[in-house]
Amino acid sequence: MTQRPVIPKAKVTTDTSQEEAFQNTVLRPIIKMKHDLLIAYTKHYIADKNQHFALLNLEKKLNYVRSCFEQDQVLRSELRGIIIGQFTTDEFDRYSPMSTAINRRIVTIIKERMIDHVEVFSN
């Protein structure tokens, strides 16, 4: 198993909420570790759904990616599964009581990463 990266900016203090602490200590390192897979999955998804994506201008590409994340429950579920599948049993036990909030954070973080890398989906 690949060791999770350390994210120095991901601070956790006594004032940090449980959800934010989980995000900074578990989600962000996993999402960073799985970045290439998330890109590959999203690239495949876009190629499957929109064969003319490469022809769109940047603004339309960004809107298309945002729209996919907002409207496609299957896409969101698959991407969440990639991340949740990396949890340890202890992490899953911590995740379960706050799963709705954590799921929202997972999708938001991944969506922002995919928007930041939208140019690779045209290659």
PDB file of N, CA and C in Angstrom:
ATOM      1  N   MET A   1       0.844  -1.186   0.000  1.00  0.00           N
ATOM      2  CA  MET A   1       0.000   0.000   0.000  1.00  0.00           C
ATOM      3  C   MET A   1       0.886   1.246   0.000  1.00  0.00           C
ATOM      4  N   THR A   2       0.522   2.209  -0.796  1.00  0.00           N
ATOM      5  CA  THR A   2       1.251   3.468  -0.864  1.00  0.00           C
ATOM      6  C   THR A   2       1.004   4.260   0.410  1.00  0.00           C
ATOM      7  N   GLN A   3       2.077   4.823   0.940  1.00  0.00           N
ATOM      8  CA  GLN A   3       1.934   5.644   2.138  1.00  0.00           C
ATOM      9  C   GLN A   3       1.284   6.972   1.772  1.00  0.00           C
ATOM     10  N   ARG A   4       0.383   7.411   2.602  1.00  0.00           N
ATOM     11  CA  ARG A   4      -0.311   8.681   2.367  1.00  0.00           C
ATOM     12  C   ARG A   4       0.646   9.842   2.512  1.00  0.00           C
ATOM     13  N   PRO A   5       0.492  10.835   1.648  1.00  0.00           N
ATOM     14  CA  PRO A   5       1.354  12.012   1.761  1.00  0.00           C
ATOM     15  C   PRO A   5       0.991  12.851   2.985  1.00  0.00           C
ATOM     16  N   VAL A   6       1.954  13.586   3.458  1.00  0.00           N
ATOM     17  CA  VAL A   6       1.732  14.526   4.557  1.00  0.00           C
ATOM     18  C   VAL A   6       1.426  15.880   3.926  1.00  0.00           C
ATOM     19  N   ILE A   7       0.407  16.541   4.438  1.00  0.00           N
ATOM     20  CA  ILE A   7       0.029  17.857   3.931  1.00  0.00           C
ATOM     21  C   ILE A   7       0.277  18.860   5.055  1.00  0.00           C
ATOM     22  N   PRO A   8       1.422  19.557   4.991  1.00  0.00           N
ATOM     23  CA  PRO A   8       1.805  20.453   6.083  1.00  0.00           C
ATOM     24  C   PRO A   8       0.796  21.560   6.383  1.00  0.00           C
ATOM     25  N   LYS A   9       0.088  22.038   5.374  1.00  0.00           N
ATOM     26  CA  LYS A   9      -0.874  23.124   5.581  1.00  0.00           C
ATOM     27  C   LYS A   9      -2.167  22.640   6.237  1.00  0.00           C
ATOM     28  N   ALA A  10      -2.363  21.337   6.305  1.00  0.00           N
ATOM     29  CA  ALA A  10      -3.592  20.775   6.868  1.00  0.00           C
ATOM     30  C   ALA A  10      -3.458  20.713   8.388  1.00  0.00           C
ATOM     31  N   LYS A  11      -3.740  21.799   9.024  1.00  0.00           N
ATOM     32  CA  LYS A  11      -3.593  21.927  10.481  1.00  0.00           C
ATOM     33  C   LYS A  11      -4.863  21.483  11.201  1.00  0.00           C
ATOM     34  N   VAL A  12      -4.663  20.902  12.364  1.00  0.00           N
ATOM     35  CA  VAL A  12      -5.771  20.535  13.242  1.00  0.00           C
ATOM     36  C   VAL A  12      -5.449  21.097  14.619  1.00  0.00           C
ATOM     37  N   THR A  13      -6.366  21.910  15.136  1.00  0.00           N
ATOM     38  CA  THR A  13      -6.183  22.505  16.459  1.00  0.00           C
ATOM     39  C   THR A  13      -7.366  22.103  17.348  1.00  0.00           C
ATOM     40  N   THR A  14      -7.363  22.579  18.550  1.00  0.00           N
ATOM     41  CA  THR A  14      -8.468  22.280  19.464  1.00  0.00           C
ATOM     42  C   THR A  14      -9.766  22.938  19.012  1.00  0.00           C
ATOM     43  N   ASP A  15      -9.656  23.989  18.200  1.00  0.00           N
ATOM     44  CA  ASP A  15     -10.841  24.687  17.692  1.00  0.00           C
ATOM     45  C   ASP A  15     -11.404  24.054  16.412  1.00  0.00           C
ATOM     46  N   THR A  16     -10.694  23.095  15.856  1.00  0.00           N
ATOM     47  CA  THR A  16     -11.091  22.474  14.596  1.00  0.00           C
ATOM     48  C   THR A  16     -12.275  21.534  14.823  1.00  0.00           C
ATOM     49  N   SER A  17     -13.296  21.650  13.961  1.00  0.00           N
ATOM     50  CA  SER A  17     -14.455  20.756  14.074  1.00  0.00           C
ATOM     51  C   SER A  17     -14.045  19.323  13.719  1.00  0.00           C
ATOM     52  N   GLN A  18     -14.865  18.362  14.119  1.00  0.00           N
ATOM     53  CA  GLN A  18     -14.577  16.955  13.809  1.00  0.00           C
ATOM     54  C   GLN A  18     -14.491  16.725  12.306  1.00  0.00           C
ATOM     55  N   GLU A  19     -15.427  17.341  11.564  1.00  0.00           N
ATOM     56  CA  GLU A  19     -15.445  17.156  10.112  1.00  0.00           C
ATOM     57  C   GLU A  19     -14.185  17.728   9.470  1.00  0.00           C
ATOM     58  N   GLU A  20     -13.791  18.926   9.913  1.00  0.00           N
ATOM     59  CA  GLU A  20     -12.598  19.546   9.343  1.00  0.00           C
ATOM     60  C   GLU A  20     -11.340  18.775   9.730  1.00  0.00           C
ATOM     61  N   ALA A  21     -11.288  18.288  10.950  1.00  0.00           N
ATOM     62  CA  ALA A  21     -10.145  17.491  11.381  1.00  0.00           C
ATOM     63  C   ALA A  21     -10.044  16.219  10.545  1.00  0.00           C
ATOM     64  N   PHE A  22     -11.179  15.561  10.307  1.00  0.00           N
ATOM     65  CA  PHE A  22     -11.198  14.357   9.484  1.00  0.00           C
ATOM     66  C   PHE A  22     -10.762  14.694   8.056  1.00  0.00           C
ATOM     67  N   GLN A  23     -11.250  15.811   7.554  1.00  0.00           N
ATOM     68  CA  GLN A  23     -10.875  16.253   6.206  1.00  0.00           C
ATOM     69  C   GLN A  23      -9.366  16.442   6.102  1.00  0.00           C
ATOM     70  N   ASN A  24      -8.780  17.123   7.090  1.00  0.00           N
ATOM     71  CA  ASN A  24      -7.363  17.456   7.024  1.00  0.00           C
ATOM     72  C   ASN A  24      -6.441  16.278   7.306  1.00  0.00           C
ATOM     73  N   THR A  25      -6.875  15.360   8.158  1.00  0.00           N
ATOM     74  CA  THR A  25      -5.997  14.244   8.519  1.00  0.00           C
ATOM     75  C   THR A  25      -6.220  12.995   7.675  1.00  0.00           C
ATOM     76  N   VAL A  26      -7.413  12.842   7.113  1.00  0.00           N
ATOM     77  CA  VAL A  26      -7.729  11.624   6.360  1.00  0.00           C
ATOM     78  C   VAL A  26      -8.023  11.920   4.881  1.00  0.00           C
ATOM     79  N   LEU A  27      -9.021  12.768   4.633  1.00  0.00           N
ATOM     80  CA  LEU A  27      -9.468  12.980   3.250  1.00  0.00           C
ATOM     81  C   LEU A  27      -8.402  13.597   2.355  1.00  0.00           C
ATOM     82  N   ARG A  28      -7.853  14.698   2.769  1.00  0.00           N
ATOM     83  CA  ARG A  28      -6.895  15.399   1.897  1.00  0.00           C
ATOM     84  C   ARG A  28      -5.686  14.532   1.548  1.00  0.00           C
ATOM     85  N   PRO A  29      -5.095  13.811   2.508  1.00  0.00           N
ATOM     86  CA  PRO A  29      -3.980  12.932   2.121  1.00  0.00           C
ATOM     87  C   PRO A  29      -4.410  11.813   1.151  1.00  0.00           C
ATOM     88  N   ILE A  30      -5.585  11.234   1.369  1.00  0.00           N
ATOM     89  CA  ILE A  30      -6.055  10.180   0.457  1.00  0.00           C
ATOM     90  C   ILE A  30      -6.308  10.759  -0.930  1.00  0.00           C
ATOM     91  N   ILE A  31      -6.987  11.894  -0.988  1.00  0.00           N
ATOM     92  CA  ILE A  31      -7.297  12.505  -2.282  1.00  0.00           C
ATOM     93  C   ILE A  31      -6.011  12.876  -3.015  1.00  0.00           C
ATOM     94  N   LYS A  32      -5.033  13.363  -2.295  1.00  0.00           N
ATOM     95  CA  LYS A  32      -3.752  13.682  -2.924  1.00  0.00           C
ATOM     96  C   LYS A  32      -3.077  12.406  -3.429  1.00  0.00           C
ATOM     97  N   MET A  33      -3.109  11.357  -2.622  1.00  0.00           N
ATOM     98  CA  MET A  33      -2.494  10.088  -2.994  1.00  0.00           C
ATOM     99  C   MET A  33      -3.170   9.488  -4.231  1.00  0.00           C
ATOM    100  N   LYS A  34      -4.475   9.643  -4.347  1.00  0.00           N
ATOM    101  CA  LYS A  34      -5.245   9.053  -5.438  1.00  0.00           C
ATOM    102  C   LYS A  34      -5.494  10.033  -6.587  1.00  0.00           C
ATOM    103  N   HIS A  35      -4.783  11.147  -6.602  1.00  0.00           N
ATOM    104  CA  HIS A  35      -4.998  12.191  -7.602  1.00  0.00           C
ATOM    105  C   HIS A  35      -4.976  11.641  -9.031  1.00  0.00           C
ATOM    106  N   ASP A  36      -3.962  10.860  -9.372  1.00  0.00           N
ATOM    107  CA  ASP A  36      -3.850  10.354 -10.745  1.00  0.00           C
ATOM    108  C   ASP A  36      -5.028   9.457 -11.117  1.00  0.00           C
ATOM    109  N   LEU A  37      -5.475   8.638 -10.177  1.00  0.00           N
ATOM    110  CA  LEU A  37      -6.637   7.782 -10.438  1.00  0.00           C
ATOM    111  C   LEU A  37      -7.903   8.621 -10.593  1.00  0.00           C
ATOM    112  N   LEU A  38      -8.078   9.625  -9.777  1.00  0.00           N
ATOM    113  CA  LEU A  38      -9.248  10.507  -9.881  1.00  0.00           C
ATOM    114  C   LEU A  38      -9.266  11.226 -11.225  1.00  0.00           C
ATOM    115  N   ILE A  39      -8.100  11.682 -11.675  1.00  0.00           N
ATOM    116  CA  ILE A  39      -7.987  12.322 -12.992  1.00  0.00           C
ATOM    117  C   ILE A  39      -8.349  11.314 -14.081  1.00  0.00           C
ATOM    118  N   ALA A  40      -7.773  10.122 -14.018  1.00  0.00           N
ATOM    119  CA  ALA A  40      -8.034   9.105 -15.039  1.00  0.00           C
ATOM    120  C   ALA A  40      -9.505   8.728 -15.083  1.00  0.00           C
ATOM    121  N   TYR A  41     -10.116   8.562 -13.913  1.00  0.00           N
ATOM    122  CA  TYR A  41     -11.533   8.207 -13.863  1.00  0.00           C
ATOM    123  C   TYR A  41     -12.396   9.315 -14.466  1.00  0.00           C
ATOM    124  N   THR A  42     -12.138  10.543 -14.074  1.00  0.00           N
ATOM    125  CA  THR A  42     -12.930  11.668 -14.570  1.00  0.00           C
ATOM    126  C   THR A  42     -12.703  11.861 -16.069  1.00  0.00           C
ATOM    127  N   LYS A  43     -11.478  11.688 -16.520  1.00  0.00           N
ATOM    128  CA  LYS A  43     -11.176  11.800 -17.949  1.00  0.00           C
ATOM    129  C   LYS A  43     -11.960  10.754 -18.738  1.00  0.00           C
ATOM    130  N   HIS A  44     -11.974   9.534 -18.248  1.00  0.00           N
ATOM    131  CA  HIS A  44     -12.734   8.460 -18.900  1.00  0.00           C
ATOM    132  C   HIS A  44     -14.233   8.779 -18.899  1.00  0.00           C
ATOM    133  N   TYR A  45     -14.727   9.247 -17.779  1.00  0.00           N
ATOM    134  CA  TYR A  45     -16.142   9.612 -17.656  1.00  0.00           C
ATOM    135  C   TYR A  45     -16.512  10.678 -18.689  1.00  0.00           C
ATOM    136  N   ILE A  46     -15.700  11.726 -18.782  1.00  0.00           N
ATOM    137  CA  ILE A  46     -15.987  12.817 -19.721  1.00  0.00           C
ATOM    138  C   ILE A  46     -15.919  12.327 -21.159  1.00  0.00           C
ATOM    139  N   ALA A  47     -14.917  11.520 -21.480  1.00  0.00           N
ATOM    140  CA  ALA A  47     -14.791  10.993 -22.844  1.00  0.00           C
ATOM    141  C   ALA A  47     -16.000  10.143 -23.208  1.00  0.00           C
ATOM    142  N   ASP A  48     -16.513   9.408 -22.237  1.00  0.00           N
ATOM    143  CA  ASP A  48     -17.698   8.565 -22.450  1.00  0.00           C
ATOM    144  C   ASP A  48     -18.962   9.389 -22.670  1.00  0.00           C
ATOM    145  N   LYS A  49     -19.085  10.485 -21.935  1.00  0.00           N
ATOM    146  CA  LYS A  49     -20.312  11.284 -21.944  1.00  0.00           C
ATOM    147  C   LYS A  49     -20.328  12.391 -22.995  1.00  0.00           C
ATOM    148  N   ASN A  50     -19.150  12.905 -23.360  1.00  0.00           N
ATOM    149  CA  ASN A  50     -19.111  14.051 -24.266  1.00  0.00           C
ATOM    150  C   ASN A  50     -17.907  13.925 -25.198  1.00  0.00           C
ATOM    151  N   GLN A  51     -18.138  13.380 -26.376  1.00  0.00           N
ATOM    152  CA  GLN A  51     -17.043  13.165 -27.324  1.00  0.00           C
ATOM    153  C   GLN A  51     -16.518  14.468 -27.917  1.00  0.00           C
ATOM    154  N   HIS A  52     -17.203  15.563 -27.727  1.00  0.00           N
ATOM    155  CA  HIS A  52     -16.792  16.848 -28.281  1.00  0.00           C
ATOM    156  C   HIS A  52     -16.202  17.773 -27.216  1.00  0.00           C
ATOM    157  N   PHE A  53     -15.882  17.227 -26.058  1.00  0.00           N
ATOM    158  CA  PHE A  53     -15.369  18.029 -24.952  1.00  0.00           C
ATOM    159  C   PHE A  53     -14.139  18.833 -25.365  1.00  0.00           C
ATOM    160  N   ALA A  54     -13.233  18.212 -26.104  1.00  0.00           N
ATOM    161  CA  ALA A  54     -11.988  18.879 -26.499  1.00  0.00           C
ATOM    162  C   ALA A  54     -12.245  20.114 -27.362  1.00  0.00           C
ATOM    163  N   LEU A  55     -13.395  20.164 -28.022  1.00  0.00           N
ATOM    164  CA  LEU A  55     -13.712  21.281 -28.903  1.00  0.00           C
ATOM    165  C   LEU A  55     -14.308  22.478 -28.161  1.00  0.00           C
ATOM    166  N   LEU A  56     -14.692  22.276 -26.911  1.00  0.00           N
ATOM    167  CA  LEU A  56     -15.297  23.355 -26.129  1.00  0.00           C
ATOM    168  C   LEU A  56     -14.238  24.368 -25.708  1.00  0.00           C
ATOM    169  N   ASN A  57     -14.679  25.617 -25.528  1.00  0.00           N
ATOM    170  CA  ASN A  57     -13.742  26.604 -24.990  1.00  0.00           C
ATOM    171  C   ASN A  57     -13.604  26.365 -23.482  1.00  0.00           C
ATOM    172  N   LEU A  58     -12.648  27.024 -22.873  1.00  0.00           N
ATOM    173  CA  LEU A  58     -12.336  26.782 -21.461  1.00  0.00           C
ATOM    174  C   LEU A  58     -13.545  26.996 -20.562  1.00  0.00           C
ATOM    175  N   GLU A  59     -14.279  28.066 -20.767  1.00  0.00           N
ATOM    176  CA  GLU A  59     -15.442  28.349 -19.926  1.00  0.00           C
ATOM    177  C   GLU A  59     -16.482  27.232 -20.019  1.00  0.00           C
ATOM    178  N   LYS A  60     -16.731  26.748 -21.215  1.00  0.00           N
ATOM    179  CA  LYS A  60     -17.710  25.665 -21.392  1.00  0.00           C
ATOM    180  C   LYS A  60     -17.202  24.355 -20.800  1.00  0.00           C
ATOM    181  N   LYS A  61     -15.897  24.123 -20.871  1.00  0.00           N
ATOM    182  CA  LYS A  61     -15.316  22.926 -20.245  1.00  0.00           C
ATOM    183  C   LYS A  61     -15.521  22.981 -18.731  1.00  0.00           C
ATOM    184  N   LEU A  62     -15.225  24.130 -18.150  1.00  0.00           N
ATOM    185  CA  LEU A  62     -15.390  24.292 -16.704  1.00  0.00           C
ATOM    186  C   LEU A  62     -16.845  24.107 -16.299  1.00  0.00           C
ATOM    187  N   ASN A  63     -17.755  24.705 -17.053  1.00  0.00           N
ATOM    188  CA  ASN A  63     -19.184  24.550 -16.764  1.00  0.00           C
ATOM    189  C   ASN A  63     -19.626  23.110 -16.910  1.00  0.00           C
ATOM    190  N   TYR A  64     -19.091  22.415 -17.899  1.00  0.00           N
ATOM    191  CA  TYR A  64     -19.457  21.009 -18.104  1.00  0.00           C
ATOM    192  C   TYR A  64     -19.010  20.157 -16.911  1.00  0.00           C
ATOM    193  N   VAL A  65     -17.783  20.361 -16.464  1.00  0.00           N
ATOM    194  CA  VAL A  65     -17.268  19.588 -15.322  1.00  0.00           C
ATOM    195  C   VAL A  65     -18.092  19.898 -14.077  1.00  0.00           C
ATOM    196  N   ARG A  66     -18.374  21.171 -13.833  1.00  0.00           N
ATOM    197  CA  ARG A  66     -19.212  21.538 -12.675  1.00  0.00           C
ATOM    198  C   ARG A  66     -20.575  20.864 -12.767  1.00  0.00           C
ATOM    199  N   SER A  67     -21.159  20.906 -13.934  1.00  0.00           N
ATOM    200  CA  SER A  67     -22.475  20.312 -14.159  1.00  0.00           C
ATOM    201  C   SER A  67     -22.466  18.807 -13.892  1.00  0.00           C
ATOM    202  N   CYS A  68     -21.421  18.146 -14.327  1.00  0.00           N
ATOM    203  CA  CYS A  68     -21.315  16.699 -14.085  1.00  0.00           C
ATOM    204  C   CYS A  68     -21.333  16.401 -12.589  1.00  0.00           C
ATOM    205  N   PHE A  69     -20.572  17.173 -11.834  1.00  0.00           N
ATOM    206  CA  PHE A  69     -20.510  16.946 -10.392  1.00  0.00           C
ATOM    207  C   PHE A  69     -21.830  17.299  -9.704  1.00  0.00           C
ATOM    208  N   GLU A  70     -22.547  18.253 -10.235  1.00  0.00           N
ATOM    209  CA  GLU A  70     -23.811  18.657  -9.616  1.00  0.00           C
ATOM    210  C   GLU A  70     -24.958  17.717  -9.982  1.00  0.00           C
ATOM    211  N   GLN A  71     -24.933  17.160 -11.192  1.00  0.00           N
ATOM    212  CA  GLN A  71     -26.090  16.428 -11.687  1.00  0.00           C
ATOM    213  C   GLN A  71     -25.946  14.911 -11.708  1.00  0.00           C
ATOM    214  N   ASP A  72     -24.736  14.388 -11.714  1.00  0.00           N
ATOM    215  CA  ASP A  72     -24.566  12.949 -11.887  1.00  0.00           C
ATOM    216  C   ASP A  72     -24.242  12.252 -10.568  1.00  0.00           C
ATOM    217  N   GLN A  73     -25.259  11.649  -9.988  1.00  0.00           N
ATOM    218  CA  GLN A  73     -25.104  10.945  -8.715  1.00  0.00           C
ATOM    219  C   GLN A  73     -24.143   9.762  -8.844  1.00  0.00           C
ATOM    220  N   VAL A  74     -24.151   9.090  -9.991  1.00  0.00           N
ATOM    221  CA  VAL A  74     -23.264   7.937 -10.184  1.00  0.00           C
ATOM    222  C   VAL A  74     -21.804   8.391 -10.142  1.00  0.00           C
ATOM    223  N   LEU A  75     -21.489   9.479 -10.823  1.00  0.00           N
ATOM    224  CA  LEU A  75     -20.120  10.012 -10.792  1.00  0.00           C
ATOM    225  C   LEU A  75     -19.705  10.316  -9.361  1.00  0.00           C
ATOM    226  N   ARG A  76     -20.537  11.025  -8.645  1.00  0.00           N
ATOM    227  CA  ARG A  76     -20.205  11.375  -7.253  1.00  0.00           C
ATOM    228  C   ARG A  76     -20.021  10.121  -6.397  1.00  0.00           C
ATOM    229  N   SER A  77     -20.886   9.150  -6.569  1.00  0.00           N
ATOM    230  CA  SER A  77     -20.796   7.909  -5.786  1.00  0.00           C
ATOM    231  C   SER A  77     -19.521   7.138  -6.096  1.00  0.00           C
ATOM    232  N   GLU A  78     -19.180   7.039  -7.367  1.00  0.00           N
ATOM    233  CA  GLU A  78     -17.959   6.322  -7.751  1.00  0.00           C
ATOM    234  C   GLU A  78     -16.718   6.997  -7.168  1.00  0.00           C
ATOM    235  N   LEU A  79     -16.655   8.302  -7.275  1.00  0.00           N
ATOM    236  CA  LEU A  79     -15.493   9.024  -6.758  1.00  0.00           C
ATOM    237  C   LEU A  79     -15.404   8.923  -5.237  1.00  0.00           C
ATOM    238  N   ARG A  80     -16.557   9.010  -4.568  1.00  0.00           N
ATOM    239  CA  ARG A  80     -16.558   8.821  -3.106  1.00  0.00           C
ATOM    240  C   ARG A  80     -16.066   7.428  -2.762  1.00  0.00           C
ATOM    241  N   GLY A  81     -16.472   6.438  -3.541  1.00  0.00           N
ATOM    242  CA  GLY A  81     -16.052   5.057  -3.296  1.00  0.00           C
ATOM    243  C   GLY A  81     -14.545   4.879  -3.401  1.00  0.00           C
ATOM    244  N   ILE A  82     -13.940   5.574  -4.358  1.00  0.00           N
ATOM    245  CA  ILE A  82     -12.477   5.511  -4.494  1.00  0.00           C
ATOM    246  C   ILE A  82     -11.815   5.984  -3.208  1.00  0.00           C
ATOM    247  N   ILE A  83     -12.360   7.020  -2.604  1.00  0.00           N
ATOM    248  CA  ILE A  83     -11.768   7.592  -1.387  1.00  0.00           C
ATOM    249  C   ILE A  83     -12.109   6.750  -0.161  1.00  0.00           C
ATOM    250  N   ILE A  84     -13.376   6.415   0.003  1.00  0.00           N
ATOM    251  CA  ILE A  84     -13.799   5.643   1.178  1.00  0.00           C
ATOM    252  C   ILE A  84     -13.116   4.274   1.204  1.00  0.00           C
ATOM    253  N   GLY A  85     -12.843   3.725   0.042  1.00  0.00           N
ATOM    254  CA  GLY A  85     -12.151   2.433  -0.041  1.00  0.00           C
ATOM    255  C   GLY A  85     -10.737   2.465   0.510  1.00  0.00           C
ATOM    256  N   GLN A  86     -10.202   3.642   0.734  1.00  0.00           N
ATOM    257  CA  GLN A  86      -8.858   3.786   1.296  1.00  0.00           C
ATOM    258  C   GLN A  86      -8.864   3.955   2.811  1.00  0.00           C
ATOM    259  N   PHE A  87     -10.052   4.072   3.411  1.00  0.00           N
ATOM    260  CA  PHE A  87     -10.151   4.240   4.862  1.00  0.00           C
ATOM    261  C   PHE A  87      -9.696   2.969   5.577  1.00  0.00           C
ATOM    262  N   THR A  88      -9.092   3.175   6.727  1.00  0.00           N
ATOM    263  CA  THR A  88      -8.879   2.057   7.638  1.00  0.00           C
ATOM    264  C   THR A  88     -10.204   1.801   8.358  1.00  0.00           C
ATOM    265  N   THR A  89     -10.304   0.722   9.093  1.00  0.00           N
ATOM    266  CA  THR A  89     -11.521   0.434   9.849  1.00  0.00           C
ATOM    267  C   THR A  89     -11.787   1.530  10.879  1.00  0.00           C
ATOM    268  N   ASP A  90     -10.746   1.999  11.544  1.00  0.00           N
ATOM    269  CA  ASP A  90     -10.889   3.085  12.523  1.00  0.00           C
ATOM    270  C   ASP A  90     -11.397   4.360  11.850  1.00  0.00           C
ATOM    271  N   GLU A  91     -10.851   4.677  10.691  1.00  0.00           N
ATOM    272  CA  GLU A  91     -11.293   5.873   9.965  1.00  0.00           C
ATOM    273  C   GLU A  91     -12.748   5.731   9.522  1.00  0.00           C
ATOM    274  N   PHE A  92     -13.119   4.536   9.101  1.00  0.00           N
ATOM    275  CA  PHE A  92     -14.506   4.321   8.694  1.00  0.00           C
ATOM    276  C   PHE A  92     -15.440   4.494   9.893  1.00  0.00           C
ATOM    277  N   ASP A  93     -15.025   4.007  11.054  1.00  0.00           N
ATOM    278  CA  ASP A  93     -15.832   4.180  12.272  1.00  0.00           C
ATOM    279  C   ASP A  93     -15.996   5.659  12.620  1.00  0.00           C
ATOM    280  N   ARG A  94     -14.953   6.455  12.403  1.00  0.00           N
ATOM    281  CA  ARG A  94     -15.048   7.899  12.639  1.00  0.00           C
ATOM    282  C   ARG A  94     -15.913   8.573  11.581  1.00  0.00           C
ATOM    283  N   TYR A  95     -15.837   8.092  10.348  1.00  0.00           N
ATOM    284  CA  TYR A  95     -16.583   8.647   9.209  1.00  0.00           C
ATOM    285  C   TYR A  95     -18.092   8.414   9.337  1.00  0.00           C
ATOM    286  N   SER A  96     -18.487   7.235   9.768  1.00  0.00           N
ATOM    287  CA  SER A  96     -19.896   6.820   9.740  1.00  0.00           C
ATOM    288  C   SER A  96     -20.867   7.802  10.379  1.00  0.00           C
ATOM    289  N   PRO A  97     -20.630   8.291  11.592  1.00  0.00           N
ATOM    290  CA  PRO A  97     -21.610   9.202  12.195  1.00  0.00           C
ATOM    291  C   PRO A  97     -21.744  10.554  11.482  1.00  0.00           C
ATOM    292  N   MET A  98     -20.746  10.921  10.719  1.00  0.00           N
ATOM    293  CA  MET A  98     -20.795  12.219  10.028  1.00  0.00           C
ATOM    294  C   MET A  98     -20.671  12.032   8.518  1.00  0.00           C
ATOM    295  N   SER A  99     -21.152  10.898   8.022  1.00  0.00           N
ATOM    296  CA  SER A  99     -20.956  10.540   6.613  1.00  0.00           C
ATOM    297  C   SER A  99     -21.543  11.560   5.636  1.00  0.00           C
ATOM    298  N   THR A 100     -22.695  12.120   5.943  1.00  0.00           N
ATOM    299  CA  THR A 100     -23.308  13.095   5.023  1.00  0.00           C
ATOM    300  C   THR A 100     -22.398  14.303   4.829  1.00  0.00           C
ATOM    301  N   ALA A 101     -21.899  14.851   5.913  1.00  0.00           N
ATOM    302  CA  ALA A 101     -21.015  16.021   5.826  1.00  0.00           C
ATOM    303  C   ALA A 101     -19.686  15.661   5.169  1.00  0.00           C
ATOM    304  N   ILE A 102     -19.157  14.504   5.490  1.00  0.00           N
ATOM    305  CA  ILE A 102     -17.878  14.077   4.909  1.00  0.00           C
ATOM    306  C   ILE A 102     -18.041  13.790   3.418  1.00  0.00           C
ATOM    307  N   ASN A 103     -19.139  13.159   3.035  1.00  0.00           N
ATOM    308  CA  ASN A 103     -19.378  12.887   1.610  1.00  0.00           C
ATOM    309  C   ASN A 103     -19.416  14.193   0.810  1.00  0.00           C
ATOM    310  N   ARG A 104     -20.050  15.190   1.370  1.00  0.00           N
ATOM    311  CA  ARG A 104     -20.119  16.501   0.715  1.00  0.00           C
ATOM    312  C   ARG A 104     -18.709  17.085   0.567  1.00  0.00           C
ATOM    313  N   ARG A 105     -17.903  16.944   1.596  1.00  0.00           N
ATOM    314  CA  ARG A 105     -16.525  17.448   1.538  1.00  0.00           C
ATOM    315  C   ARG A 105     -15.706  16.685   0.495  1.00  0.00           C
ATOM    316  N   ILE A 106     -15.872  15.373   0.431  1.00  0.00           N
ATOM    317  CA  ILE A 106     -15.142  14.566  -0.558  1.00  0.00           C
ATOM    318  C   ILE A 106     -15.444  15.075  -1.964  1.00  0.00           C
ATOM    319  N   VAL A 107     -16.720  15.203  -2.281  1.00  0.00           N
ATOM    320  CA  VAL A 107     -17.122  15.623  -3.623  1.00  0.00           C
ATOM    321  C   VAL A 107     -16.636  17.043  -3.918  1.00  0.00           C
ATOM    322  N   THR A 108     -16.739  17.931  -2.954  1.00  0.00           N
ATOM    323  CA  THR A 108     -16.308  19.316  -3.160  1.00  0.00           C
ATOM    324  C   THR A 108     -14.808  19.391  -3.443  1.00  0.00           C
ATOM    325  N   ILE A 109     -14.027  18.682  -2.665  1.00  0.00           N
ATOM    326  CA  ILE A 109     -12.571  18.709  -2.853  1.00  0.00           C
ATOM    327  C   ILE A 109     -12.204  18.130  -4.218  1.00  0.00           C
ATOM    328  N   ILE A 110     -12.789  16.991  -4.557  1.00  0.00           N
ATOM    329  CA  ILE A 110     -12.471  16.368  -5.846  1.00  0.00           C
ATOM    330  C   ILE A 110     -12.922  17.259  -6.999  1.00  0.00           C
ATOM    331  N   LYS A 111     -14.114  17.829  -6.894  1.00  0.00           N
ATOM    332  CA  LYS A 111     -14.608  18.716  -7.955  1.00  0.00           C
ATOM    333  C   LYS A 111     -13.632  19.868  -8.183  1.00  0.00           C
ATOM    334  N   GLU A 112     -13.175  20.487  -7.114  1.00  0.00           N
ATOM    335  CA  GLU A 112     -12.234  21.603  -7.251  1.00  0.00           C
ATOM    336  C   GLU A 112     -10.921  21.155  -7.885  1.00  0.00           C
ATOM    337  N   ARG A 113     -10.447  19.973  -7.512  1.00  0.00           N
ATOM    338  CA  ARG A 113      -9.213  19.446  -8.117  1.00  0.00           C
ATOM    339  C   ARG A 113      -9.411  19.195  -9.607  1.00  0.00           C
ATOM    340  N   MET A 114     -10.570  18.655  -9.973  1.00  0.00           N
ATOM    341  CA  MET A 114     -10.828  18.358 -11.384  1.00  0.00           C
ATOM    342  C   MET A 114     -10.976  19.652 -12.183  1.00  0.00           C
ATOM    343  N   ILE A 115     -11.590  20.657 -11.606  1.00  0.00           N
ATOM    344  CA  ILE A 115     -11.711  21.957 -12.276  1.00  0.00           C
ATOM    345  C   ILE A 115     -10.318  22.564 -12.472  1.00  0.00           C
ATOM    346  N   ASP A 116      -9.460  22.434 -11.472  1.00  0.00           N
ATOM    347  CA  ASP A 116      -8.099  22.963 -11.577  1.00  0.00           C
ATOM    348  C   ASP A 116      -7.272  22.248 -12.644  1.00  0.00           C
ATOM    349  N   HIS A 117      -7.672  21.021 -13.010  1.00  0.00           N
ATOM    350  CA  HIS A 117      -6.926  20.230 -13.995  1.00  0.00           C
ATOM    351  C   HIS A 117      -7.753  19.950 -15.248  1.00  0.00           C
ATOM    352  N   VAL A 118      -8.720  20.794 -15.537  1.00  0.00           N
ATOM    353  CA  VAL A 118      -9.645  20.564 -16.648  1.00  0.00           C
ATOM    354  C   VAL A 118      -8.919  20.403 -17.985  1.00  0.00           C
ATOM    355  N   GLU A 119      -7.749  21.030 -18.112  1.00  0.00           N
ATOM    356  CA  GLU A 119      -7.034  20.945 -19.388  1.00  0.00           C
ATOM    357  C   GLU A 119      -6.604  19.519 -19.748  1.00  0.00           C
ATOM    358  N   VAL A 120      -6.400  18.651 -18.763  1.00  0.00           N
ATOM    359  CA  VAL A 120      -5.952  17.275 -19.077  1.00  0.00           C
ATOM    360  C   VAL A 120      -7.089  16.422 -19.655  1.00  0.00           C
ATOM    361  N   PHE A 121      -8.325  16.848 -19.511  1.00  0.00           N
ATOM    362  CA  PHE A 121      -9.425  16.044 -20.019  1.00  0.00           C
ATOM    363  C   PHE A 121      -9.602  16.165 -21.526  1.00  0.00           C
ATOM    364  N   SER A 122      -8.885  17.077 -22.149  1.00  0.00           N
ATOM    365  CA  SER A 122      -8.953  17.254 -23.601  1.00  0.00           C
ATOM    366  C   SER A 122      -7.874  16.457 -24.325  1.00  0.00           C
ATOM    367  N   ASN A 123      -6.928  15.921 -23.596  1.00  0.00           N
ATOM    368  CA  ASN A 123      -5.812  15.177 -24.211  1.00  0.00           C
ATOM    369  C   ASN A 123      -6.196  13.746 -24.501  1.00  0.00           C
TER     370      ASN A 123
END
